[in-house]
Amino acid sequence: MANTSLRGTRLGATSYENDSRVVMVDRVFVAYSCPKGHETTIPYSAEAEEIPYEWECRCGANAHRTDIEAPEAKAAKIGRTHWDMLLERRTINDLEDLLSERLDLIAAKRTPQRARKTA
């Protein structure tokens, strides 16, 4: 016990594992180029199913892969407005009926108040 020493560690310290028996997975290196001329090479696993076409460059611009052509742009999904969702639930005739009912209720509530003020 006197011949050995204890090693102190802290949270986030480096690992004491040895890399000698670790088998690295096959890798594919993909080159990206940004409009400002920066070249970036990113290693991916050879088993990766999807490798992105765009990569954010160190300058903040979008870099594109140099080994393939640009993929076809996907059609942008058009968002539904509140009006579109309302029309899915009700017809225009139903909405007109609801509007007239609500306007009648508002008119009925206002009529007695005016009569009280004049009295």
PDB file of N, CA and C in Angstrom:
ATOM      1  N   MET A   1       0.807  -1.181   0.000  1.00  0.00           N
ATOM      2  CA  MET A   1       0.000   0.000   0.000  1.00  0.00           C
ATOM      3  C   MET A   1       0.862   1.261   0.000  1.00  0.00           C
ATOM      4  N   ALA A   2       2.014   1.188   0.650  1.00  0.00           N
ATOM      5  CA  ALA A   2       2.882   2.355   0.721  1.00  0.00           C
ATOM      6  C   ALA A   2       3.523   2.660  -0.621  1.00  0.00           C
ATOM      7  N   ASN A   3       3.633   1.664  -1.502  1.00  0.00           N
ATOM      8  CA  ASN A   3       4.292   1.872  -2.794  1.00  0.00           C
ATOM      9  C   ASN A   3       3.340   2.403  -3.871  1.00  0.00           C
ATOM     10  N   THR A   4       2.052   2.421  -3.618  1.00  0.00           N
ATOM     11  CA  THR A   4       1.093   2.904  -4.618  1.00  0.00           C
ATOM     12  C   THR A   4       0.525   4.242  -4.171  1.00  0.00           C
ATOM     13  N   SER A   5       0.061   4.971  -5.138  1.00  0.00           N
ATOM     14  CA  SER A   5      -0.547   6.264  -4.806  1.00  0.00           C
ATOM     15  C   SER A   5      -1.955   6.319  -5.381  1.00  0.00           C
ATOM     16  N   LEU A   6      -2.770   7.129  -4.774  1.00  0.00           N
ATOM     17  CA  LEU A   6      -4.129   7.325  -5.256  1.00  0.00           C
ATOM     18  C   LEU A   6      -4.131   8.464  -6.268  1.00  0.00           C
ATOM     19  N   ARG A   7      -4.855   8.258  -7.327  1.00  0.00           N
ATOM     20  CA  ARG A   7      -4.982   9.321  -8.317  1.00  0.00           C
ATOM     21  C   ARG A   7      -6.244  10.118  -8.019  1.00  0.00           C
ATOM     22  N   GLY A   8      -6.124  11.389  -7.946  1.00  0.00           N
ATOM     23  CA  GLY A   8      -7.289  12.243  -7.743  1.00  0.00           C
ATOM     24  C   GLY A   8      -7.865  12.655  -9.090  1.00  0.00           C
ATOM     25  N   THR A   9      -9.154  12.710  -9.164  1.00  0.00           N
ATOM     26  CA  THR A   9      -9.807  13.156 -10.399  1.00  0.00           C
ATOM     27  C   THR A   9     -10.842  14.204 -10.056  1.00  0.00           C
ATOM     28  N   ARG A  10     -11.311  14.840 -11.063  1.00  0.00           N
ATOM     29  CA  ARG A  10     -12.381  15.821 -10.898  1.00  0.00           C
ATOM     30  C   ARG A  10     -13.428  15.552 -11.973  1.00  0.00           C
ATOM     31  N   LEU A  11     -14.571  16.144 -11.816  1.00  0.00           N
ATOM     32  CA  LEU A  11     -15.625  15.963 -12.808  1.00  0.00           C
ATOM     33  C   LEU A  11     -15.176  16.553 -14.139  1.00  0.00           C
ATOM     34  N   GLY A  12     -15.420  15.816 -15.194  1.00  0.00           N
ATOM     35  CA  GLY A  12     -15.056  16.306 -16.512  1.00  0.00           C
ATOM     36  C   GLY A  12     -13.598  16.099 -16.850  1.00  0.00           C
ATOM     37  N   ALA A  13     -12.867  15.376 -16.033  1.00  0.00           N
ATOM     38  CA  ALA A  13     -11.446  15.149 -16.295  1.00  0.00           C
ATOM     39  C   ALA A  13     -11.287  14.190 -17.468  1.00  0.00           C
ATOM     40  N   THR A  14     -10.086  14.099 -17.986  1.00  0.00           N
ATOM     41  CA  THR A  14      -9.831  13.206 -19.109  1.00  0.00           C
ATOM     42  C   THR A  14      -9.921  11.757 -18.667  1.00  0.00           C
ATOM     43  N   SER A  15     -10.228  10.895 -19.618  1.00  0.00           N
ATOM     44  CA  SER A  15     -10.394   9.476 -19.337  1.00  0.00           C
ATOM     45  C   SER A  15      -9.033   8.803 -19.225  1.00  0.00           C
ATOM     46  N   TYR A  16      -8.945   7.773 -18.380  1.00  0.00           N
ATOM     47  CA  TYR A  16      -7.709   7.008 -18.233  1.00  0.00           C
ATOM     48  C   TYR A  16      -7.750   5.723 -19.054  1.00  0.00           C
ATOM     49  N   GLU A  17      -8.770   5.576 -19.895  1.00  0.00           N
ATOM     50  CA  GLU A  17      -8.857   4.385 -20.726  1.00  0.00           C
ATOM     51  C   GLU A  17      -7.806   4.437 -21.823  1.00  0.00           C
ATOM     52  N   ASN A  18      -7.402   3.263 -22.264  1.00  0.00           N
ATOM     53  CA  ASN A  18      -6.382   3.144 -23.287  1.00  0.00           C
ATOM     54  C   ASN A  18      -7.052   2.845 -24.627  1.00  0.00           C
ATOM     55  N   ASP A  19      -6.614   3.503 -25.707  1.00  0.00           N
ATOM     56  CA  ASP A  19      -7.199   3.311 -27.024  1.00  0.00           C
ATOM     57  C   ASP A  19      -6.521   2.199 -27.818  1.00  0.00           C
ATOM     58  N   SER A  20      -5.656   1.437 -27.200  1.00  0.00           N
ATOM     59  CA  SER A  20      -4.862   0.462 -27.956  1.00  0.00           C
ATOM     60  C   SER A  20      -5.703  -0.669 -28.540  1.00  0.00           C
ATOM     61  N   ARG A  21      -6.762  -1.100 -27.891  1.00  0.00           N
ATOM     62  CA  ARG A  21      -7.561  -2.220 -28.392  1.00  0.00           C
ATOM     63  C   ARG A  21      -8.911  -1.781 -28.965  1.00  0.00           C
ATOM     64  N   VAL A  22      -9.058  -0.528 -29.262  1.00  0.00           N
ATOM     65  CA  VAL A  22     -10.309  -0.013 -29.804  1.00  0.00           C
ATOM     66  C   VAL A  22     -10.265  -0.119 -31.328  1.00  0.00           C
ATOM     67  N   VAL A  23     -11.303  -0.701 -31.905  1.00  0.00           N
ATOM     68  CA  VAL A  23     -11.390  -0.813 -33.361  1.00  0.00           C
ATOM     69  C   VAL A  23     -12.253   0.344 -33.863  1.00  0.00           C
ATOM     70  N   MET A  24     -11.671   1.166 -34.700  1.00  0.00           N
ATOM     71  CA  MET A  24     -12.398   2.314 -35.237  1.00  0.00           C
ATOM     72  C   MET A  24     -13.334   1.848 -36.347  1.00  0.00           C
ATOM     73  N   VAL A  25     -14.494   2.446 -36.422  1.00  0.00           N
ATOM     74  CA  VAL A  25     -15.455   2.127 -37.468  1.00  0.00           C
ATOM     75  C   VAL A  25     -14.983   2.787 -38.767  1.00  0.00           C
ATOM     76  N   ASP A  26     -15.367   2.202 -39.901  1.00  0.00           N
ATOM     77  CA  ASP A  26     -15.000   2.788 -41.190  1.00  0.00           C
ATOM     78  C   ASP A  26     -15.626   4.166 -41.314  1.00  0.00           C
ATOM     79  N   ARG A  27     -14.857   5.079 -41.906  1.00  0.00           N
ATOM     80  CA  ARG A  27     -15.324   6.456 -42.019  1.00  0.00           C
ATOM     81  C   ARG A  27     -15.333   6.906 -43.469  1.00  0.00           C
ATOM     82  N   VAL A  28     -16.191   7.877 -43.736  1.00  0.00           N
ATOM     83  CA  VAL A  28     -16.270   8.534 -45.034  1.00  0.00           C
ATOM     84  C   VAL A  28     -16.038  10.014 -44.775  1.00  0.00           C
ATOM     85  N   PHE A  29     -15.152  10.628 -45.546  1.00  0.00           N
ATOM     86  CA  PHE A  29     -14.872  12.049 -45.388  1.00  0.00           C
ATOM     87  C   PHE A  29     -15.615  12.812 -46.478  1.00  0.00           C
ATOM     88  N   VAL A  30     -16.420  13.783 -46.064  1.00  0.00           N
ATOM     89  CA  VAL A  30     -17.231  14.561 -46.997  1.00  0.00           C
ATOM     90  C   VAL A  30     -16.740  15.998 -46.968  1.00  0.00           C
ATOM     91  N   ALA A  31     -16.486  16.544 -48.166  1.00  0.00           N
ATOM     92  CA  ALA A  31     -15.979  17.913 -48.283  1.00  0.00           C
ATOM     93  C   ALA A  31     -17.140  18.876 -48.515  1.00  0.00           C
ATOM     94  N   TYR A  32     -17.091  20.005 -47.830  1.00  0.00           N
ATOM     95  CA  TYR A  32     -18.081  21.066 -47.973  1.00  0.00           C
ATOM     96  C   TYR A  32     -17.351  22.342 -48.366  1.00  0.00           C
ATOM     97  N   SER A  33     -17.998  23.166 -49.186  1.00  0.00           N
ATOM     98  CA  SER A  33     -17.412  24.427 -49.626  1.00  0.00           C
ATOM     99  C   SER A  33     -18.448  25.523 -49.458  1.00  0.00           C
ATOM    100  N   CYS A  34     -18.028  26.653 -48.871  1.00  0.00           N
ATOM    101  CA  CYS A  34     -18.964  27.762 -48.659  1.00  0.00           C
ATOM    102  C   CYS A  34     -18.732  28.835 -49.725  1.00  0.00           C
ATOM    103  N   PRO A  35     -19.654  29.782 -49.885  1.00  0.00           N
ATOM    104  CA  PRO A  35     -19.512  30.830 -50.900  1.00  0.00           C
ATOM    105  C   PRO A  35     -18.289  31.725 -50.683  1.00  0.00           C
ATOM    106  N   LYS A  36     -17.764  31.775 -49.474  1.00  0.00           N
ATOM    107  CA  LYS A  36     -16.593  32.613 -49.193  1.00  0.00           C
ATOM    108  C   LYS A  36     -15.286  31.882 -49.469  1.00  0.00           C
ATOM    109  N   GLY A  37     -15.371  30.634 -49.953  1.00  0.00           N
ATOM    110  CA  GLY A  37     -14.176  29.893 -50.333  1.00  0.00           C
ATOM    111  C   GLY A  37     -13.609  28.986 -49.261  1.00  0.00           C
ATOM    112  N   HIS A  38     -14.243  28.877 -48.124  1.00  0.00           N
ATOM    113  CA  HIS A  38     -13.745  27.997 -47.070  1.00  0.00           C
ATOM    114  C   HIS A  38     -14.050  26.546 -47.418  1.00  0.00           C
ATOM    115  N   GLU A  39     -13.089  25.672 -47.197  1.00  0.00           N
ATOM    116  CA  GLU A  39     -13.260  24.234 -47.410  1.00  0.00           C
ATOM    117  C   GLU A  39     -13.295  23.553 -46.046  1.00  0.00           C
ATOM    118  N   THR A  40     -14.273  22.690 -45.826  1.00  0.00           N
ATOM    119  CA  THR A  40     -14.406  21.956 -44.575  1.00  0.00           C
ATOM    120  C   THR A  40     -14.606  20.486 -44.905  1.00  0.00           C
ATOM    121  N   THR A  41     -13.872  19.614 -44.209  1.00  0.00           N
ATOM    122  CA  THR A  41     -14.029  18.178 -44.394  1.00  0.00           C
ATOM    123  C   THR A  41     -14.540  17.581 -43.094  1.00  0.00           C
ATOM    124  N   ILE A  42     -15.660  16.881 -43.173  1.00  0.00           N
ATOM    125  CA  ILE A  42     -16.311  16.307 -41.996  1.00  0.00           C
ATOM    126  C   ILE A  42     -16.285  14.786 -42.114  1.00  0.00           C
ATOM    127  N   PRO A  43     -15.819  14.080 -41.068  1.00  0.00           N
ATOM    128  CA  PRO A  43     -15.863  12.610 -41.113  1.00  0.00           C
ATOM    129  C   PRO A  43     -17.228  12.095 -40.656  1.00  0.00           C
ATOM    130  N   TYR A  44     -17.765  11.147 -41.404  1.00  0.00           N
ATOM    131  CA  TYR A  44     -19.012  10.475 -41.058  1.00  0.00           C
ATOM    132  C   TYR A  44     -18.757   8.979 -41.021  1.00  0.00           C
ATOM    133  N   SER A  45     -19.598   8.264 -40.325  1.00  0.00           N
ATOM    134  CA  SER A  45     -19.529   6.810 -40.320  1.00  0.00           C
ATOM    135  C   SER A  45     -19.903   6.297 -41.709  1.00  0.00           C
ATOM    136  N   ALA A  46     -19.233   5.236 -42.155  1.00  0.00           N
ATOM    137  CA  ALA A  46     -19.557   4.650 -43.457  1.00  0.00           C
ATOM    138  C   ALA A  46     -20.961   4.067 -43.448  1.00  0.00           C
ATOM    139  N   GLU A  47     -21.495   3.789 -42.276  1.00  0.00           N
ATOM    140  CA  GLU A  47     -22.838   3.232 -42.152  1.00  0.00           C
ATOM    141  C   GLU A  47     -23.919   4.305 -42.041  1.00  0.00           C
ATOM    142  N   ALA A  48     -23.530   5.574 -42.120  1.00  0.00           N
ATOM    143  CA  ALA A  48     -24.506   6.662 -41.983  1.00  0.00           C
ATOM    144  C   ALA A  48     -25.541   6.571 -43.093  1.00  0.00           C
ATOM    145  N   GLU A  49     -26.803   6.662 -42.713  1.00  0.00           N
ATOM    146  CA  GLU A  49     -27.880   6.534 -43.689  1.00  0.00           C
ATOM    147  C   GLU A  49     -28.099   7.814 -44.477  1.00  0.00           C
ATOM    148  N   GLU A  50     -27.952   8.942 -43.817  1.00  0.00           N
ATOM    149  CA  GLU A  50     -28.216  10.205 -44.491  1.00  0.00           C
ATOM    150  C   GLU A  50     -27.128  11.204 -44.117  1.00  0.00           C
ATOM    151  N   ILE A  51     -26.429  11.700 -45.107  1.00  0.00           N
ATOM    152  CA  ILE A  51     -25.394  12.710 -44.889  1.00  0.00           C
ATOM    153  C   ILE A  51     -25.955  14.026 -45.410  1.00  0.00           C
ATOM    154  N   PRO A  52     -25.947  15.078 -44.602  1.00  0.00           N
ATOM    155  CA  PRO A  52     -26.583  16.334 -45.019  1.00  0.00           C
ATOM    156  C   PRO A  52     -25.870  16.975 -46.203  1.00  0.00           C
ATOM    157  N   TYR A  53     -26.657  17.645 -47.039  1.00  0.00           N
ATOM    158  CA  TYR A  53     -26.099  18.364 -48.184  1.00  0.00           C
ATOM    159  C   TYR A  53     -25.494  19.686 -47.735  1.00  0.00           C
ATOM    160  N   GLU A  54     -26.081  20.303 -46.701  1.00  0.00           N
ATOM    161  CA  GLU A  54     -25.585  21.589 -46.196  1.00  0.00           C
ATOM    162  C   GLU A  54     -24.913  21.409 -44.849  1.00  0.00           C
ATOM    163  N   TRP A  55     -23.903  22.254 -44.597  1.00  0.00           N
ATOM    164  CA  TRP A  55     -23.197  22.274 -43.324  1.00  0.00           C
ATOM    165  C   TRP A  55     -22.904  23.731 -43.009  1.00  0.00           C
ATOM    166  N   GLU A  56     -23.068  24.124 -41.759  1.00  0.00           N
ATOM    167  CA  GLU A  56     -22.791  25.514 -41.397  1.00  0.00           C
ATOM    168  C   GLU A  56     -21.289  25.717 -41.312  1.00  0.00           C
ATOM    169  N   CYS A  57     -20.793  26.625 -42.118  1.00  0.00           N
ATOM    170  CA  CYS A  57     -19.357  26.909 -42.175  1.00  0.00           C
ATOM    171  C   CYS A  57     -18.931  27.680 -40.925  1.00  0.00           C
ATOM    172  N   ARG A  58     -17.634  27.742 -40.709  1.00  0.00           N
ATOM    173  CA  ARG A  58     -17.114  28.466 -39.544  1.00  0.00           C
ATOM    174  C   ARG A  58     -17.386  29.963 -39.634  1.00  0.00           C
ATOM    175  N   CYS A  59     -17.637  30.464 -40.861  1.00  0.00           N
ATOM    176  CA  CYS A  59     -17.943  31.884 -41.030  1.00  0.00           C
ATOM    177  C   CYS A  59     -19.436  32.171 -40.864  1.00  0.00           C
ATOM    178  N   GLY A  60     -20.246  31.116 -40.722  1.00  0.00           N
ATOM    179  CA  GLY A  60     -21.680  31.280 -40.523  1.00  0.00           C
ATOM    180  C   GLY A  60     -22.501  31.076 -41.785  1.00  0.00           C
ATOM    181  N   ALA A  61     -21.846  30.997 -42.939  1.00  0.00           N
ATOM    182  CA  ALA A  61     -22.567  30.770 -44.196  1.00  0.00           C
ATOM    183  C   ALA A  61     -22.892  29.285 -44.344  1.00  0.00           C
ATOM    184  N   ASN A  62     -23.799  28.967 -45.239  1.00  0.00           N
ATOM    185  CA  ASN A  62     -24.136  27.571 -45.510  1.00  0.00           C
ATOM    186  C   ASN A  62     -23.172  27.016 -46.547  1.00  0.00           C
ATOM    187  N   ALA A  63     -22.436  25.981 -46.159  1.00  0.00           N
ATOM    188  CA  ALA A  63     -21.524  25.308 -47.081  1.00  0.00           C
ATOM    189  C   ALA A  63     -22.257  24.130 -47.701  1.00  0.00           C
ATOM    190  N   HIS A  64     -21.943  23.831 -48.967  1.00  0.00           N
ATOM    191  CA  HIS A  64     -22.594  22.747 -49.692  1.00  0.00           C
ATOM    192  C   HIS A  64     -21.581  21.675 -50.041  1.00  0.00           C
ATOM    193  N   ARG A  65     -22.071  20.449 -50.170  1.00  0.00           N
ATOM    194  CA  ARG A  65     -21.204  19.327 -50.523  1.00  0.00           C
ATOM    195  C   ARG A  65     -20.640  19.535 -51.918  1.00  0.00           C
ATOM    196  N   THR A  66     -19.384  19.131 -52.086  1.00  0.00           N
ATOM    197  CA  THR A  66     -18.736  19.299 -53.380  1.00  0.00           C
ATOM    198  C   THR A  66     -18.805  18.040 -54.226  1.00  0.00           C
ATOM    199  N   ASP A  67     -19.189  16.906 -53.643  1.00  0.00           N
ATOM    200  CA  ASP A  67     -19.155  15.642 -54.380  1.00  0.00           C
ATOM    201  C   ASP A  67     -20.458  15.282 -55.081  1.00  0.00           C
ATOM    202  N   ILE A  68     -21.561  15.973 -54.775  1.00  0.00           N
ATOM    203  CA  ILE A  68     -22.843  15.661 -55.412  1.00  0.00           C
ATOM    204  C   ILE A  68     -23.532  16.944 -55.830  1.00  0.00           C
ATOM    205  N   GLU A  69     -24.506  16.798 -56.717  1.00  0.00           N
ATOM    206  CA  GLU A  69     -25.318  17.935 -57.145  1.00  0.00           C
ATOM    207  C   GLU A  69     -26.349  18.262 -56.064  1.00  0.00           C
ATOM    208  N   ALA A  70     -26.864  19.469 -56.128  1.00  0.00           N
ATOM    209  CA  ALA A  70     -27.872  19.899 -55.150  1.00  0.00           C
ATOM    210  C   ALA A  70     -29.134  19.061 -55.307  1.00  0.00           C
ATOM    211  N   PRO A  71     -29.715  18.595 -54.197  1.00  0.00           N
ATOM    212  CA  PRO A  71     -30.966  17.831 -54.293  1.00  0.00           C
ATOM    213  C   PRO A  71     -32.113  18.746 -54.705  1.00  0.00           C
ATOM    214  N   GLU A  72     -33.157  18.134 -55.233  1.00  0.00           N
ATOM    215  CA  GLU A  72     -34.328  18.915 -55.624  1.00  0.00           C
ATOM    216  C   GLU A  72     -34.959  19.540 -54.391  1.00  0.00           C
ATOM    217  N   ALA A  73     -35.361  20.786 -54.547  1.00  0.00           N
ATOM    218  CA  ALA A  73     -35.981  21.492 -53.424  1.00  0.00           C
ATOM    219  C   ALA A  73     -37.351  20.892 -53.145  1.00  0.00           C
ATOM    220  N   LYS A  74     -37.615  20.630 -51.887  1.00  0.00           N
ATOM    221  CA  LYS A  74     -38.911  20.095 -51.494  1.00  0.00           C
ATOM    222  C   LYS A  74     -39.936  21.219 -51.501  1.00  0.00           C
ATOM    223  N   ALA A  75     -41.143  20.877 -51.863  1.00  0.00           N
ATOM    224  CA  ALA A  75     -42.216  21.866 -51.860  1.00  0.00           C
ATOM    225  C   ALA A  75     -42.489  22.288 -50.422  1.00  0.00           C
ATOM    226  N   ALA A  76     -42.533  23.586 -50.217  1.00  0.00           N
ATOM    227  CA  ALA A  76     -42.767  24.102 -48.870  1.00  0.00           C
ATOM    228  C   ALA A  76     -44.207  23.827 -48.462  1.00  0.00           C
ATOM    229  N   LYS A  77     -44.375  23.380 -47.242  1.00  0.00           N
ATOM    230  CA  LYS A  77     -45.714  23.101 -46.737  1.00  0.00           C
ATOM    231  C   LYS A  77     -46.385  24.426 -46.389  1.00  0.00           C
ATOM    232  N   ILE A  78     -47.531  24.630 -46.975  1.00  0.00           N
ATOM    233  CA  ILE A  78     -48.255  25.877 -46.737  1.00  0.00           C
ATOM    234  C   ILE A  78     -49.047  25.723 -45.447  1.00  0.00           C
ATOM    235  N   GLY A  79     -48.842  26.644 -44.540  1.00  0.00           N
ATOM    236  CA  GLY A  79     -49.531  26.583 -43.254  1.00  0.00           C
ATOM    237  C   GLY A  79     -51.005  26.918 -43.397  1.00  0.00           C
ATOM    238  N   ARG A  80     -51.791  26.324 -42.546  1.00  0.00           N
ATOM    239  CA  ARG A  80     -53.220  26.614 -42.546  1.00  0.00           C
ATOM    240  C   ARG A  80     -53.482  27.786 -41.616  1.00  0.00           C
ATOM    241  N   THR A  81     -54.318  28.677 -42.062  1.00  0.00           N
ATOM    242  CA  THR A  81     -54.695  29.817 -41.231  1.00  0.00           C
ATOM    243  C   THR A  81     -55.882  29.429 -40.352  1.00  0.00           C
ATOM    244  N   HIS A  82     -56.221  30.308 -39.430  1.00  0.00           N
ATOM    245  CA  HIS A  82     -57.388  30.072 -38.573  1.00  0.00           C
ATOM    246  C   HIS A  82     -58.657  29.985 -39.426  1.00  0.00           C
ATOM    247  N   TRP A  83     -58.716  30.817 -40.454  1.00  0.00           N
ATOM    248  CA  TRP A  83     -59.881  30.820 -41.329  1.00  0.00           C
ATOM    249  C   TRP A  83     -60.019  29.475 -42.046  1.00  0.00           C
ATOM    250  N   ASP A  84     -58.903  28.916 -42.528  1.00  0.00           N
ATOM    251  CA  ASP A  84     -58.944  27.607 -43.201  1.00  0.00           C
ATOM    252  C   ASP A  84     -59.444  26.519 -42.255  1.00  0.00           C
ATOM    253  N   MET A  85     -58.954  26.534 -41.024  1.00  0.00           N
ATOM    254  CA  MET A  85     -59.385  25.519 -40.058  1.00  0.00           C
ATOM    255  C   MET A  85     -60.861  25.687 -39.697  1.00  0.00           C
ATOM    256  N   LEU A  86     -61.321  26.932 -39.630  1.00  0.00           N
ATOM    257  CA  LEU A  86     -62.732  27.188 -39.340  1.00  0.00           C
ATOM    258  C   LEU A  86     -63.616  26.673 -40.473  1.00  0.00           C
ATOM    259  N   LEU A  87     -63.180  26.880 -41.711  1.00  0.00           N
ATOM    260  CA  LEU A  87     -63.963  26.412 -42.855  1.00  0.00           C
ATOM    261  C   LEU A  87     -63.987  24.892 -42.959  1.00  0.00           C
ATOM    262  N   GLU A  88     -63.044  24.217 -42.319  1.00  0.00           N
ATOM    263  CA  GLU A  88     -63.083  22.756 -42.283  1.00  0.00           C
ATOM    264  C   GLU A  88     -64.197  22.258 -41.363  1.00  0.00           C
ATOM    265  N   ARG A  89     -64.539  23.072 -40.354  1.00  0.00           N
ATOM    266  CA  ARG A  89     -65.546  22.653 -39.380  1.00  0.00           C
ATOM    267  C   ARG A  89     -66.945  23.152 -39.722  1.00  0.00           C
ATOM    268  N   ARG A  90     -67.039  24.323 -40.345  1.00  0.00           N
ATOM    269  CA  ARG A  90     -68.351  24.928 -40.586  1.00  0.00           C
ATOM    270  C   ARG A  90     -68.434  25.463 -42.016  1.00  0.00           C
ATOM    271  N   THR A  91     -69.662  25.543 -42.519  1.00  0.00           N
ATOM    272  CA  THR A  91     -69.877  26.123 -43.847  1.00  0.00           C
ATOM    273  C   THR A  91     -70.107  27.624 -43.698  1.00  0.00           C
ATOM    274  N   ILE A  92     -70.097  28.320 -44.829  1.00  0.00           N
ATOM    275  CA  ILE A  92     -70.329  29.771 -44.799  1.00  0.00           C
ATOM    276  C   ILE A  92     -71.737  30.069 -44.281  1.00  0.00           C
ATOM    277  N   ASN A  93     -72.709  29.271 -44.673  1.00  0.00           N
ATOM    278  CA  ASN A  93     -74.091  29.481 -44.188  1.00  0.00           C
ATOM    279  C   ASN A  93     -74.169  29.316 -42.673  1.00  0.00           C
ATOM    280  N   ASP A  94     -73.480  28.302 -42.131  1.00  0.00           N
ATOM    281  CA  ASP A  94     -73.464  28.120 -40.671  1.00  0.00           C
ATOM    282  C   ASP A  94     -72.833  29.326 -39.987  1.00  0.00           C
ATOM    283  N   LEU A  95     -71.764  29.834 -40.569  1.00  0.00           N
ATOM    284  CA  LEU A  95     -71.082  30.990 -39.972  1.00  0.00           C
ATOM    285  C   LEU A  95     -71.963  32.235 -40.020  1.00  0.00           C
ATOM    286  N   GLU A  96     -72.701  32.420 -41.116  1.00  0.00           N
ATOM    287  CA  GLU A  96     -73.609  33.564 -41.206  1.00  0.00           C
ATOM    288  C   GLU A  96     -74.728  33.457 -40.172  1.00  0.00           C
ATOM    289  N   ASP A  97     -75.247  32.243 -39.965  1.00  0.00           N
ATOM    290  CA  ASP A  97     -76.282  32.037 -38.939  1.00  0.00           C
ATOM    291  C   ASP A  97     -75.741  32.350 -37.545  1.00  0.00           C
ATOM    292  N   LEU A  98     -74.535  31.872 -37.246  1.00  0.00           N
ATOM    293  CA  LEU A  98     -73.921  32.162 -35.941  1.00  0.00           C
ATOM    294  C   LEU A  98     -73.704  33.655 -35.751  1.00  0.00           C
ATOM    295  N   LEU A  99     -73.264  34.324 -36.807  1.00  0.00           N
ATOM    296  CA  LEU A  99     -73.031  35.762 -36.717  1.00  0.00           C
ATOM    297  C   LEU A  99     -74.330  36.503 -36.424  1.00  0.00           C
ATOM    298  N   SER A 100     -75.393  36.152 -37.112  1.00  0.00           N
ATOM    299  CA  SER A 100     -76.669  36.844 -36.868  1.00  0.00           C
ATOM    300  C   SER A 100     -77.187  36.565 -35.453  1.00  0.00           C
ATOM    301  N   GLU A 101     -77.006  35.324 -34.953  1.00  0.00           N
ATOM    302  CA  GLU A 101     -77.410  35.015 -33.572  1.00  0.00           C
ATOM    303  C   GLU A 101     -76.633  35.861 -32.572  1.00  0.00           C
ATOM    304  N   ARG A 102     -75.328  35.947 -32.764  1.00  0.00           N
ATOM    305  CA  ARG A 102     -74.501  36.716 -31.826  1.00  0.00           C
ATOM    306  C   ARG A 102     -74.840  38.205 -31.889  1.00  0.00           C
ATOM    307  N   LEU A 103     -75.086  38.721 -33.090  1.00  0.00           N
ATOM    308  CA  LEU A 103     -75.451  40.137 -33.212  1.00  0.00           C
ATOM    309  C   LEU A 103     -76.798  40.412 -32.546  1.00  0.00           C
ATOM    310  N   ASP A 104     -77.737  39.480 -32.662  1.00  0.00           N
ATOM    311  CA  ASP A 104     -79.036  39.634 -31.987  1.00  0.00           C
ATOM    312  C   ASP A 104     -78.863  39.637 -30.471  1.00  0.00           C
ATOM    313  N   LEU A 105     -78.000  38.752 -29.945  1.00  0.00           N
ATOM    314  CA  LEU A 105     -77.741  38.729 -28.500  1.00  0.00           C
ATOM    315  C   LEU A 105     -77.116  40.035 -28.021  1.00  0.00           C
ATOM    316  N   ILE A 106     -76.182  40.546 -28.780  1.00  0.00           N
ATOM    317  CA  ILE A 106     -75.536  41.811 -28.394  1.00  0.00           C
ATOM    318  C   ILE A 106     -76.554  42.943 -28.421  1.00  0.00           C
ATOM    319  N   ALA A 107     -77.391  42.975 -29.443  1.00  0.00           N
ATOM    320  CA  ALA A 107     -78.416  44.022 -29.537  1.00  0.00           C
ATOM    321  C   ALA A 107     -79.413  43.912 -28.388  1.00  0.00           C
ATOM    322  N   ALA A 108     -79.771  42.689 -27.997  1.00  0.00           N
ATOM    323  CA  ALA A 108     -80.720  42.494 -26.894  1.00  0.00           C
ATOM    324  C   ALA A 108     -80.123  42.947 -25.568  1.00  0.00           C
ATOM    325  N   LYS A 109     -78.835  42.761 -25.381  1.00  0.00           N
ATOM    326  CA  LYS A 109     -78.194  43.189 -24.131  1.00  0.00           C
ATOM    327  C   LYS A 109     -78.071  44.704 -24.062  1.00  0.00           C
ATOM    328  N   ARG A 110     -77.892  45.360 -25.187  1.00  0.00           N
ATOM    329  CA  ARG A 110     -77.708  46.813 -25.185  1.00  0.00           C
ATOM    330  C   ARG A 110     -79.034  47.563 -25.033  1.00  0.00           C
ATOM    331  N   THR A 111     -80.102  47.043 -25.513  1.00  0.00           N
ATOM    332  CA  THR A 111     -81.387  47.741 -25.497  1.00  0.00           C
ATOM    333  C   THR A 111     -81.858  48.062 -24.082  1.00  0.00           C
ATOM    334  N   PRO A 112     -81.865  47.142 -23.127  1.00  0.00           N
ATOM    335  CA  PRO A 112     -82.319  47.485 -21.774  1.00  0.00           C
ATOM    336  C   PRO A 112     -81.412  48.513 -21.092  1.00  0.00           C
ATOM    337  N   GLN A 113     -80.137  48.506 -21.370  1.00  0.00           N
ATOM    338  CA  GLN A 113     -79.233  49.453 -20.721  1.00  0.00           C
ATOM    339  C   GLN A 113     -79.534  50.869 -21.175  1.00  0.00           C
ATOM    340  N   ARG A 114     -79.858  51.063 -22.434  1.00  0.00           N
ATOM    341  CA  ARG A 114     -80.181  52.397 -22.929  1.00  0.00           C
ATOM    342  C   ARG A 114     -81.488  52.895 -22.308  1.00  0.00           C
ATOM    343  N   ALA A 115     -82.420  51.986 -22.134  1.00  0.00           N
ATOM    344  CA  ALA A 115     -83.703  52.369 -21.534  1.00  0.00           C
ATOM    345  C   ALA A 115     -83.499  52.799 -20.091  1.00  0.00           C
ATOM    346  N   ARG A 116     -82.597  52.161 -19.358  1.00  0.00           N
ATOM    347  CA  ARG A 116     -82.344  52.526 -17.958  1.00  0.00           C
ATOM    348  C   ARG A 116     -81.677  53.893 -17.862  1.00  0.00           C
ATOM    349  N   LYS A 117     -80.776  54.180 -18.794  1.00  0.00           N
ATOM    350  CA  LYS A 117     -80.064  55.454 -18.739  1.00  0.00           C
ATOM    351  C   LYS A 117     -81.003  56.628 -18.997  1.00  0.00           C
ATOM    352  N   THR A 118     -81.961  56.459 -19.863  1.00  0.00           N
ATOM    353  CA  THR A 118     -82.878  57.560 -20.178  1.00  0.00           C
ATOM    354  C   THR A 118     -83.915  57.781 -19.087  1.00  0.00           C
ATOM    355  N   ALA A 119     -84.183  56.778 -18.282  1.00  0.00           N
ATOM    356  CA  ALA A 119     -85.213  56.891 -17.260  1.00  0.00           C
ATOM    357  C   ALA A 119     -84.762  57.677 -16.070  1.00  0.00           C
TER     358      ALA A 119
END
